[in-house]
Amino acid sequence: MASELRVNTLKDASGNNSIATSFVAGGSAKAWANFNSTGTLAIRESLNTSSITDNNTGDYTKNFTNSMSDADYAPQGAGQNSAATTLGLIFNPYVLAASNFRMTFVNEIAGTRDGTQTNTTVQGDLA
């Protein structure tokens, strides 16, 4: 039998700091991933990420375990260039769907690049 807990506000143990549960539910990341995209793509850690498809150099599709409610969510990302430079990678999400989104990572000199440290997070509503 499932349990249900209904509250409007959460407080810390001292009872001094509180936050509305709507902020916790609405403001929490609904999906994230930390992955290495050089060589064989490998997800290090993730939440609500079933897989990441390597489409081409610096071009990936992130697949959700649980879909978003629609394609109007907000993906963010950052990456560390695989080349031995101090340039970071610029995140470009496109083709957003409820079940996944496609993205590229580029640097300002060489175009699309794989990253040794690549991260994405998604804010929005789950289906």
Protein backbone atom coordinates (compact mmCIF):
# COMPACT_ATOMS: atom_id res chain seq x y z
CA MET A 1 0.00 0.00 0.00
CA ALA A 2 1.41 3.38 -1.00
CA SER A 3 1.77 6.19 1.49
CA GLU A 4 1.13 9.85 0.87
CA LEU A 5 2.50 12.80 2.79
CA ARG A 6 0.83 16.19 2.23
CA VAL A 7 2.56 19.34 3.44
CA ASN A 8 2.72 22.96 2.30
CA THR A 9 6.07 23.90 3.85
CA LEU A 10 9.26 22.06 4.76
CA LYS A 11 11.45 23.25 7.66
CA ASP A 12 14.95 22.31 8.73
CA ALA A 13 15.57 20.54 12.05
CA SER A 14 15.84 23.84 13.97
CA GLY A 15 12.48 24.99 12.57
CA ASN A 16 13.99 28.31 11.46
CA ASN A 17 14.47 27.84 7.74
CA SER A 18 11.51 26.87 5.63
CA ILE A 19 10.71 26.40 1.96
CA ALA A 20 7.40 25.86 0.16
CA THR A 21 7.00 22.36 -1.24
CA SER A 22 5.91 23.89 -4.56
CA PHE A 23 9.41 25.40 -4.86
CA VAL A 24 11.04 22.04 -4.13
CA ALA A 25 8.90 20.23 -6.70
CA GLY A 26 9.00 22.99 -9.32
CA GLY A 27 12.58 24.16 -8.84
CA SER A 28 14.38 20.83 -8.67
CA ALA A 29 16.24 19.44 -11.67
CA LYS A 30 14.13 16.79 -13.40
CA ALA A 31 17.10 15.24 -15.20
CA TRP A 32 20.86 15.63 -15.22
CA ALA A 33 23.93 13.79 -16.45
CA ASN A 34 27.70 13.97 -16.09
CA PHE A 35 29.37 12.13 -18.96
CA ASN A 36 32.64 11.68 -20.81
CA SER A 37 32.07 12.09 -24.52
CA THR A 38 35.60 11.40 -25.75
CA GLY A 39 36.16 7.97 -27.30
CA THR A 40 33.36 5.69 -26.11
CA LEU A 41 30.68 7.85 -24.51
CA ALA A 42 30.27 6.96 -20.83
CA ILE A 43 27.73 8.33 -18.34
CA ARG A 44 29.44 8.79 -14.96
CA GLU A 45 26.36 9.73 -12.94
CA SER A 46 22.83 10.75 -13.87
CA LEU A 47 19.21 11.23 -12.85
CA ASN A 48 16.28 10.45 -15.17
CA THR A 49 18.68 9.78 -18.05
CA SER A 50 18.18 6.39 -19.71
CA SER A 51 20.97 6.89 -22.26
CA ILE A 52 22.92 9.39 -24.32
CA THR A 53 23.35 8.70 -28.01
CA ASP A 54 26.60 9.79 -29.70
CA ASN A 55 25.40 11.10 -33.09
CA ASN A 56 28.73 12.58 -34.19
CA THR A 57 31.61 14.65 -32.77
CA GLY A 58 30.09 17.01 -30.19
CA ASP A 59 26.54 15.98 -31.19
CA TYR A 60 24.41 13.93 -28.77
CA THR A 61 20.83 12.96 -27.96
CA LYS A 62 19.89 12.74 -24.28
CA ASN A 63 17.05 10.25 -23.64
CA PHE A 64 14.91 10.55 -20.52
CA THR A 65 13.89 7.60 -18.37
CA ASN A 66 10.65 9.44 -17.53
CA SER A 67 9.43 11.90 -20.17
CA MET A 68 8.87 15.59 -19.62
CA SER A 69 5.27 16.86 -19.87
CA ASP A 70 6.04 18.58 -23.20
CA ALA A 71 8.95 20.08 -25.14
CA ASP A 72 8.83 23.42 -23.27
CA TYR A 73 11.47 22.59 -20.63
CA ALA A 74 14.81 24.33 -20.10
CA PRO A 75 17.97 22.29 -20.79
CA GLN A 76 21.36 23.66 -19.74
CA GLY A 77 24.84 22.32 -20.25
CA ALA A 78 28.57 22.91 -20.10
CA GLY A 79 31.65 21.03 -21.14
CA GLN A 80 35.39 20.83 -20.82
CA ASN A 81 37.11 20.75 -24.20
CA SER A 82 38.74 17.44 -25.13
CA ALA A 83 41.62 19.36 -26.71
CA ALA A 84 44.41 20.60 -24.43
CA THR A 85 43.17 24.20 -24.38
CA THR A 86 41.63 26.50 -21.83
CA LEU A 87 38.50 26.91 -23.96
CA GLY A 88 35.26 25.59 -22.53
CA LEU A 89 32.48 24.19 -24.67
CA ILE A 90 29.34 26.11 -25.57
CA PHE A 91 26.09 24.14 -25.14
CA ASN A 92 23.50 24.31 -27.94
CA PRO A 93 20.24 22.37 -27.33
CA TYR A 94 17.90 21.83 -30.28
CA VAL A 95 15.16 19.44 -31.40
CA LEU A 96 13.47 19.26 -27.99
CA ALA A 97 10.88 16.50 -27.51
CA ALA A 98 9.15 15.24 -24.37
CA SER A 99 11.23 12.03 -24.40
CA ASN A 100 14.65 13.46 -25.40
CA PHE A 101 16.59 16.38 -26.80
CA ARG A 102 19.47 16.76 -29.19
CA MET A 103 22.44 18.97 -28.36
CA THR A 104 25.83 20.02 -29.63
CA PHE A 105 28.90 21.23 -27.79
CA VAL A 106 31.20 23.60 -29.68
CA ASN A 107 34.24 25.74 -29.02
CA GLU A 108 34.75 29.09 -30.68
CA ILE A 109 37.79 27.96 -32.68
CA ALA A 110 37.29 24.37 -33.84
CA GLY A 111 33.50 23.93 -33.99
CA THR A 112 31.85 20.82 -32.51
CA ARG A 113 33.98 19.01 -29.97
CA ASP A 114 33.69 16.06 -27.62
CA GLY A 115 34.30 16.81 -23.97
CA THR A 116 36.18 15.09 -21.18
CA GLN A 117 33.74 16.54 -18.65
CA THR A 118 30.31 17.16 -20.14
CA ASN A 119 27.26 18.07 -18.04
CA THR A 120 23.58 18.69 -18.69
CA THR A 121 20.61 19.48 -16.48
CA VAL A 122 16.92 19.96 -17.24
CA GLN A 123 14.35 22.13 -15.49
CA GLY A 124 10.66 21.68 -16.26
CA ASP A 125 7.66 19.49 -15.53
CA LEU A 126 7.61 15.70 -15.74
CA ALA A 127 4.74 14.01 -17.56
